[in-house]
Protein backbone atom coordinates (compact mmCIF):
# COMPACT_ATOMS: atom_id res chain seq x y z
CA MET A 1 4.99 -52.89 59.78
CA ARG A 2 5.16 -52.12 56.19
CA VAL A 3 7.05 -48.70 54.97
CA PHE A 4 6.48 -47.71 51.33
CA ILE A 5 9.54 -46.43 49.56
CA SER A 6 8.85 -44.20 46.30
CA TRP A 7 11.53 -43.56 43.96
CA SER A 8 11.86 -42.29 40.19
CA GLY A 9 15.20 -42.51 38.12
CA ASP A 10 18.71 -44.66 38.53
CA LEU A 11 20.35 -42.59 41.23
CA SER A 12 16.81 -42.41 43.31
CA ARG A 13 16.60 -46.09 42.76
CA SER A 14 19.94 -47.18 44.32
CA LEU A 15 19.67 -44.77 47.17
CA ALA A 16 15.98 -46.24 47.77
CA GLU A 17 17.52 -49.85 47.67
CA ALA A 18 20.23 -48.88 49.96
CA ILE A 19 17.78 -47.85 52.43
CA ARG A 20 15.30 -50.87 51.75
CA ASN A 21 18.20 -52.99 52.83
CA TRP A 22 19.27 -51.09 55.53
CA LEU A 23 15.71 -50.78 57.43
CA PRO A 24 14.83 -54.15 58.60
CA SER A 25 18.52 -54.80 59.40
CA ALA A 26 18.08 -52.12 62.04
CA LEU A 27 14.43 -52.49 62.70
CA GLN A 28 13.80 -56.20 62.16
CA TYR A 29 9.71 -55.69 62.22
CA VAL A 30 9.86 -53.29 59.42
CA LYS A 31 8.90 -54.78 55.91
CA PRO A 32 9.90 -52.28 53.69
CA TYR A 33 8.03 -52.16 49.91
CA PHE A 34 9.87 -51.33 47.14
CA SER A 35 7.46 -50.82 43.86
CA PRO A 36 9.46 -52.08 40.97
CA ALA A 37 10.80 -55.56 42.96
CA ASP A 38 7.87 -56.11 45.06
CA ILE A 39 4.92 -55.63 42.68
CA GLU A 40 4.47 -59.22 41.09
CA LYS A 41 4.76 -59.73 37.21
CA GLY A 42 1.36 -59.26 35.77
CA SER A 43 -0.24 -57.59 38.75
CA LYS A 44 -2.59 -54.88 38.19
CA TRP A 45 0.18 -51.92 38.74
CA ALA A 46 -2.27 -49.00 40.00
CA SER A 47 -4.38 -51.14 42.26
CA GLU A 48 -1.28 -53.10 43.65
CA ILE A 49 0.38 -49.34 44.38
CA PHE A 50 -2.81 -48.26 46.30
CA LYS A 51 -3.21 -51.35 48.20
CA GLU A 52 0.27 -51.38 49.61
CA LEU A 53 -0.29 -47.49 50.76
CA SER A 54 -3.15 -48.41 52.40
CA ALA A 55 -1.09 -51.12 54.37
CA SER A 56 1.65 -49.10 55.09
CA THR A 57 2.29 -46.71 57.82
CA THR A 58 5.22 -44.60 56.80
CA CYS A 59 6.32 -43.48 53.53
CA ILE A 60 9.90 -42.47 52.27
CA ILE A 61 9.83 -40.71 49.22
CA VAL A 62 13.79 -40.69 47.69
CA LEU A 63 14.15 -37.28 45.80
CA THR A 64 17.01 -36.09 44.00
CA ARG A 65 17.76 -33.14 41.79
CA GLU A 66 17.33 -35.23 38.96
CA ASN A 67 13.92 -36.70 40.11
CA LEU A 68 12.54 -33.54 41.68
CA SER A 69 9.80 -33.22 38.98
CA SER A 70 9.05 -36.68 38.21
CA ASN A 71 5.71 -37.18 36.83
CA TRP A 72 6.23 -40.73 38.60
CA ILE A 73 7.09 -39.08 41.83
CA MET A 74 4.12 -36.55 41.43
CA PHE A 75 1.78 -39.30 40.79
CA GLU A 76 2.86 -41.16 44.00
CA ALA A 77 3.21 -38.31 45.86
CA GLY A 78 -0.51 -37.15 45.18
CA ALA A 79 -1.67 -40.88 46.05
CA ILE A 80 0.49 -40.87 49.36
CA SER A 81 -1.07 -37.86 50.47
CA CYS A 82 -4.53 -39.44 50.08
CA THR A 83 -3.69 -42.36 51.88
CA ILE A 84 -1.02 -41.61 54.66
CA ASP A 85 -1.03 -39.31 57.63
CA ARG A 86 1.35 -36.13 56.35
CA ALA A 87 3.08 -37.17 59.61
CA ARG A 88 4.11 -40.22 58.59
CA VAL A 89 5.31 -39.09 54.76
CA CYS A 90 8.83 -38.40 54.57
CA PRO A 91 10.42 -36.83 51.78
CA LEU A 92 14.02 -37.79 51.95
CA ILE A 93 16.17 -35.17 49.84
CA PHE A 94 19.77 -35.41 48.56
CA ASP A 95 21.56 -32.70 47.18
CA LEU A 96 18.33 -30.45 47.73
CA GLU A 97 17.07 -28.05 50.10
CA ALA A 98 13.26 -27.87 51.24
CA THR A 99 12.31 -24.98 49.48
CA ASP A 100 12.88 -26.60 46.21
CA LEU A 101 9.84 -29.15 46.93
CA GLN A 102 7.04 -28.11 44.89
CA GLY A 103 3.73 -29.37 44.18
CA PRO A 104 2.27 -32.40 46.04
CA LEU A 105 5.95 -32.79 47.87
CA ALA A 106 5.38 -29.20 49.40
CA GLN A 107 3.03 -29.93 51.80
CA PHE A 108 5.35 -32.60 53.51
CA GLN A 109 8.29 -32.17 56.14
CA ALA A 110 11.58 -32.99 54.34
CA THR A 111 14.62 -34.41 55.87
CA LYS A 112 18.06 -34.38 54.75
CA PHE A 113 20.51 -37.21 54.46
CA ILE A 114 22.35 -36.09 57.72
CA LYS A 115 22.74 -38.07 60.82
CA GLU A 116 20.64 -36.23 63.14
CA ASP A 117 18.00 -35.86 60.47
CA ILE A 118 18.08 -39.46 59.95
CA ARG A 119 17.95 -40.46 63.19
CA GLN A 120 14.70 -38.40 63.85
CA LEU A 121 13.23 -40.11 61.00
CA PHE A 122 14.21 -43.57 62.78
CA PHE A 123 12.57 -42.47 65.91
CA ASN A 124 9.61 -41.90 63.96
CA ILE A 125 9.24 -44.99 62.37
CA ASN A 126 10.01 -46.71 65.50
CA ALA A 127 7.09 -44.62 66.99
CA ALA A 128 4.50 -45.81 64.80
CA ALA A 129 5.31 -49.62 65.51
CA GLY A 130 2.82 -50.16 68.21
CA GLU A 131 3.56 -52.87 70.89
CA ASN A 132 6.83 -53.71 68.37
CA LYS A 133 7.93 -50.46 69.43
CA LEU A 134 11.76 -50.28 70.86
CA THR A 135 12.36 -48.38 74.02
CA ASP A 136 14.02 -44.81 73.22
CA ALA A 137 17.35 -45.94 74.89
CA VAL A 138 17.36 -49.20 72.73
CA ALA A 139 16.21 -47.53 69.62
CA ASN A 140 18.83 -44.87 69.81
CA GLY A 141 21.60 -47.84 70.50
CA VAL A 142 20.59 -49.33 67.68
CA PHE A 143 20.71 -46.55 65.22
CA GLU A 144 24.34 -46.00 66.49
CA LYS A 145 25.11 -49.44 65.56
CA TRP A 146 23.59 -49.32 62.32
CA TRP A 147 24.40 -45.77 60.70
CA PRO A 148 27.84 -45.99 59.52
CA ASP A 149 26.52 -49.06 57.59
CA LEU A 150 24.02 -47.08 55.87
CA GLU A 151 26.18 -43.59 55.76
CA GLY A 152 28.79 -45.65 54.02
CA GLN A 153 26.29 -47.39 51.52
CA ILE A 154 24.86 -44.09 50.56
CA SER A 155 28.52 -42.16 50.07
CA GLN A 156 29.70 -44.83 47.83
CA ILE A 157 26.47 -44.65 45.76
CA LEU A 158 26.67 -40.81 45.58
CA GLU A 159 30.44 -40.96 44.76
CA SER A 160 29.61 -43.72 42.18
CA HIS A 161 26.92 -41.54 40.74
CA LYS A 162 29.25 -38.62 40.27
CA ALA A 163 32.20 -40.63 38.64
CA THR A 164 29.57 -42.25 35.90
CA ASN A 165 28.01 -38.78 34.90
CA ALA A 166 31.36 -37.36 34.51
CA LYS A 167 32.58 -40.15 32.18
CA GLN A 168 29.25 -40.54 30.20
CA ASP A 169 26.75 -38.53 28.64
CA ILE A 170 23.12 -38.78 29.31
CA ARG A 171 20.98 -40.34 26.55
CA SER A 172 18.82 -37.65 24.68
CA GLU A 173 14.85 -37.66 24.87
CA ARG A 174 15.10 -38.25 21.18
CA ASP A 175 17.24 -41.28 21.63
CA LEU A 176 14.58 -42.87 24.09
CA ILE A 177 11.75 -41.81 21.82
CA GLU A 178 13.18 -43.45 18.94
CA GLU A 179 13.77 -46.64 20.90
CA LEU A 180 10.24 -46.55 22.17
CA LEU A 181 8.90 -46.21 18.50
CA LEU A 182 11.23 -49.21 17.59
CA LEU A 183 10.13 -51.65 19.94
CA THR A 184 6.32 -50.61 19.41
CA ARG A 185 6.34 -50.65 15.85
CA LYS A 186 8.19 -54.09 16.23
CA ILE A 187 5.23 -55.48 18.21
CA SER A 188 2.62 -53.83 15.74
CA SER A 189 4.62 -55.45 13.16
CA GLU A 190 4.37 -58.66 14.94
CA VAL A 191 0.65 -58.24 15.64
CA GLU A 192 -0.20 -57.73 11.75
CA SER A 193 1.81 -60.56 10.65
CA THR A 194 -0.68 -62.62 12.49
CA LYS A 195 -3.68 -61.08 10.80
CA ALA A 196 -3.76 -63.18 7.53
CA PRO A 197 -6.65 -65.76 7.41
CA GLN A 198 -5.78 -69.35 7.90
CA PRO A 199 -6.63 -71.94 5.74
CA GLU A 200 -6.98 -74.60 8.22
CA LYS A 201 -10.55 -75.77 8.99
CA LYS A 202 -9.35 -76.25 12.72
CA PRO A 203 -9.29 -73.31 14.82
CA ALA A 204 -5.93 -71.73 14.58
CA PHE A 205 -3.71 -72.00 17.78
CA VAL A 206 -3.44 -68.72 19.66
CA ALA A 207 0.40 -68.57 21.04
CA PRO A 208 1.54 -66.67 23.84
CA PHE A 209 2.16 -63.14 24.00
CA ARG A 210 6.00 -63.68 22.91
CA TYR A 211 7.09 -60.14 24.46
CA GLU A 212 5.35 -60.02 27.56
CA GLY A 213 8.08 -60.52 29.45
CA SER A 214 10.91 -58.72 27.61
CA VAL A 215 9.92 -55.85 24.87
CA TYR A 216 6.67 -54.99 26.93
CA GLN A 217 8.58 -54.62 30.18
CA ARG A 218 11.29 -52.54 28.18
CA ILE A 219 8.99 -50.32 26.44
CA MET A 220 7.11 -49.49 30.31
CA ALA A 221 10.77 -48.66 31.62
CA LEU A 222 11.31 -46.22 28.61
CA THR A 223 8.44 -44.59 28.65
CA ARG A 224 8.57 -44.02 32.29
CA GLU A 225 12.51 -42.46 31.97
CA CYS A 226 10.78 -40.63 28.86
CA PHE A 227 8.00 -38.95 30.68
CA ASP A 228 10.27 -38.18 33.32
CA ARG A 229 12.76 -36.08 31.02
CA GLY A 230 9.68 -33.79 30.01
CA SER A 231 10.12 -32.37 26.33
CA TYR A 232 8.40 -34.34 23.42
CA ASP A 233 7.89 -33.92 19.51
CA VAL A 234 4.00 -34.34 18.75
CA GLU A 235 4.58 -36.64 15.97
CA GLU A 236 6.45 -38.98 17.55
CA LEU A 237 4.01 -38.93 20.40
CA GLN A 238 1.06 -39.61 17.89
CA ALA A 239 3.21 -42.36 16.22
CA LEU A 240 3.83 -43.85 19.78
CA LYS A 241 0.06 -43.92 20.44
CA ALA A 242 -0.75 -45.46 17.69
CA SER A 243 1.59 -48.37 18.24
CA THR A 244 0.41 -48.62 21.74
CA GLU A 245 -3.11 -49.17 20.65
CA ALA A 246 -2.13 -51.59 18.15
CA VAL A 247 -0.47 -53.70 20.71
CA LEU A 248 -3.52 -53.16 23.12
CA ALA A 249 -5.81 -54.03 20.80
CA ALA A 250 -4.21 -57.77 19.96
CA VAL A 251 -3.72 -58.44 23.77
CA PRO A 252 -7.12 -60.15 24.15
CA LYS A 253 -6.26 -62.49 20.92
CA ARG A 254 -2.53 -63.03 21.95
CA VAL A 255 -2.28 -63.51 25.79
CA THR A 256 -3.14 -66.66 27.36
CA SER A 257 -2.52 -65.88 30.84
CA LEU A 258 -5.80 -63.86 32.67
CA VAL A 259 -3.68 -62.42 35.26
CA THR A 260 -1.02 -61.51 32.63
CA LYS A 261 -3.88 -60.18 30.15
CA GLU A 262 -5.46 -58.01 32.79
CA GLY A 263 -2.10 -56.47 33.62
CA LEU A 264 -1.24 -55.52 30.28
CA THR A 265 -4.51 -54.08 29.32
CA MET A 266 -4.50 -51.79 32.46
CA ASP A 267 -1.02 -50.98 31.77
CA LEU A 268 -1.24 -50.01 27.98
CA THR A 269 -4.57 -48.39 28.40
CA ALA A 270 -3.11 -46.09 30.94
CA LEU A 271 0.39 -45.46 29.01
CA SER A 272 -1.97 -44.48 25.80
CA ALA A 273 -3.94 -42.14 27.83
CA GLU A 274 -0.44 -40.41 29.15
CA ILE A 275 0.50 -40.17 25.94
CA GLU A 276 -2.81 -38.46 24.78
CA LYS A 277 -2.29 -36.17 27.55
CA PHE A 278 0.87 -34.91 26.35
CA ILE A 279 -0.19 -35.05 23.02
CA ASN A 280 -2.77 -32.14 24.13
CA GLU A 281 -0.34 -30.44 26.09
CA GLU A 282 1.82 -29.98 23.01
CA GLY A 283 -0.70 -29.20 20.51
């Protein structure tokens, strides 16, 4: 039985990981799907998410005050609402009230991280397990045994997050945009340097795309974080779009792996379209 876990932001990810690790310990038939770790490198991102949603019987959306308006969360919530029965979708809220939920999230019944609400969520997941379902008495005993572990882990994560925020300033949106621009321009420069004609008569060897496992992943992670912040300068976005398209144009020539090439092309195309949308909104 698959359970899809959606998250966005550092705190949400830590909380989601704790839930992901706890669920199969308490309900051994549950196989959680946690997108950043469970999508294979080079996979087609969007199609992989929709495939997992189609195979999942329950979805947990981990919501915090920091990610409540996240574009990523809104995207997955919209996809979830088209794929999974609303009764099986659970926004799990931390430091929020159900009335704080907006957009696609507002149609789902929220669950607070308190013992009785989590018990009900636990029973709902068990009820969807078909022949693997535990009796209510057994499920209650299992929950009572495993609840202290989850409560302790979540409390530790929340306390650590509070302590970290008290000591460190959050990076500004401009810092994130500048790092993105530097990375994409670095790739563009590398691509341009390979365009000079070669004197050899033999066909030039096409080297593997050096950044597919390092700078590329950093670009996507930073872009996702930037989009979650929600405030941009048009000129910066235009420069980022131009650099992204330069990298996209080079992918067919520079990437030797077909699977990686398809994954990069899809992700970079989606990234370029998303940046264009923000440019139009800001213009």
